[in-house]
Amino acid sequence: MWIEENNKLKRTFEFSNFVEAFGFMSQVAILAEKMDHHPNWSNVYNKVEIELTTHDAGNIVTENDRKLAAAIDQVIGDA
């Protein structure tokens, strides 16, 4: 579940292993590039932490962030 906190949408995803986590990140990277809206994220082994905020709007959560969050949820079948 996405949490809105400190002008960011945040979510941590956990996978079985690094390969699954990296595959997820690859799918999200393609979505983000198509939407021209890129996440702040980090990966340690099987966990991926994502933060979404719109820098051009003054680092606040906008509709672009919500759309990317929804698209990411569809990648993992959580929509």
Protein backbone atom coordinates (compact mmCIF):
# COMPACT_ATOMS: atom_id res chain seq x y z
CA MET A 1 0.00 0.00 0.00
CA TRP A 2 1.25 3.47 -0.90
CA ILE A 3 1.66 5.93 1.97
CA GLU A 4 1.65 9.68 1.43
CA GLU A 5 4.18 11.23 3.78
CA ASN A 6 6.42 14.32 3.64
CA ASN A 7 5.17 15.27 0.14
CA LYS A 8 6.02 11.82 -1.24
CA LEU A 9 4.18 8.65 -2.13
CA LYS A 10 6.15 5.77 -0.60
CA ARG A 11 6.02 2.02 -0.84
CA THR A 12 8.34 -0.89 -0.15
CA PHE A 13 8.10 -4.02 -2.29
CA GLU A 14 9.54 -7.36 -1.19
CA PHE A 15 10.34 -10.24 -3.53
CA SER A 16 11.66 -13.79 -3.20
CA ASN A 17 15.15 -12.86 -4.34
CA PHE A 18 17.33 -10.28 -6.05
CA VAL A 19 16.51 -11.43 -9.58
CA GLU A 20 12.77 -10.89 -9.02
CA ALA A 21 13.41 -7.48 -7.46
CA PHE A 22 15.64 -6.45 -10.35
CA GLY A 23 13.11 -7.70 -12.91
CA PHE A 24 10.44 -5.59 -11.21
CA MET A 25 12.72 -2.55 -11.32
CA SER A 26 13.32 -3.12 -15.03
CA GLN A 27 9.57 -3.16 -15.69
CA VAL A 28 9.07 0.00 -13.64
CA ALA A 29 11.95 1.70 -15.44
CA ILE A 30 10.22 1.13 -18.79
CA LEU A 31 6.91 2.48 -17.44
CA ALA A 32 8.61 5.51 -15.90
CA GLU A 33 10.42 6.32 -19.11
CA LYS A 34 7.21 6.06 -21.15
CA MET A 35 5.44 8.33 -18.66
CA ASP A 36 8.46 10.66 -18.44
CA HIS A 37 8.13 10.55 -14.67
CA HIS A 38 10.94 8.87 -12.78
CA PRO A 39 10.97 7.50 -9.23
CA ASN A 40 13.46 7.90 -6.44
CA TRP A 41 14.24 4.34 -5.45
CA SER A 42 16.66 1.97 -3.82
CA ASN A 43 17.22 -1.76 -3.89
CA VAL A 44 18.83 -4.03 -1.33
CA TYR A 45 18.71 -7.73 -2.23
CA ASN A 46 14.98 -8.56 -2.41
CA LYS A 47 13.53 -5.19 -1.35
CA VAL A 48 12.76 -2.19 -3.52
CA GLU A 49 11.81 1.10 -1.88
CA ILE A 50 10.11 3.69 -4.10
CA GLU A 51 9.34 7.34 -3.43
CA LEU A 52 7.33 9.40 -5.89
CA THR A 53 7.22 13.20 -5.93
CA THR A 54 7.04 15.78 -8.70
CA HIS A 55 10.17 17.90 -8.67
CA ASP A 56 8.85 20.35 -11.31
CA ALA A 57 5.84 21.13 -9.09
CA GLY A 58 7.96 21.96 -6.04
CA ASN A 59 8.49 18.45 -4.70
CA ILE A 60 4.86 17.65 -3.95
CA VAL A 61 2.62 14.69 -4.80
CA THR A 62 0.73 15.31 -8.05
CA GLU A 63 -1.52 13.36 -10.38
CA ASN A 64 1.62 12.21 -12.24
CA ASP A 65 2.80 10.46 -9.07
CA ARG A 66 -0.57 8.82 -8.51
CA LYS A 67 -0.68 7.60 -12.13
CA LEU A 68 2.80 6.10 -11.88
CA ALA A 69 1.93 4.47 -8.54
CA ALA A 70 -1.16 2.89 -10.12
CA ALA A 71 0.89 1.65 -13.08
CA ILE A 72 3.47 0.15 -10.70
CA ASP A 73 0.68 -1.60 -8.80
CA GLN A 74 -0.46 -3.17 -12.08
CA VAL A 75 3.05 -4.58 -12.63
CA ILE A 76 2.75 -6.62 -9.46
CA GLY A 77 -0.97 -7.33 -9.89
CA ASP A 78 -1.95 -5.21 -6.90
CA ALA A 79 -4.37 -2.89 -8.69
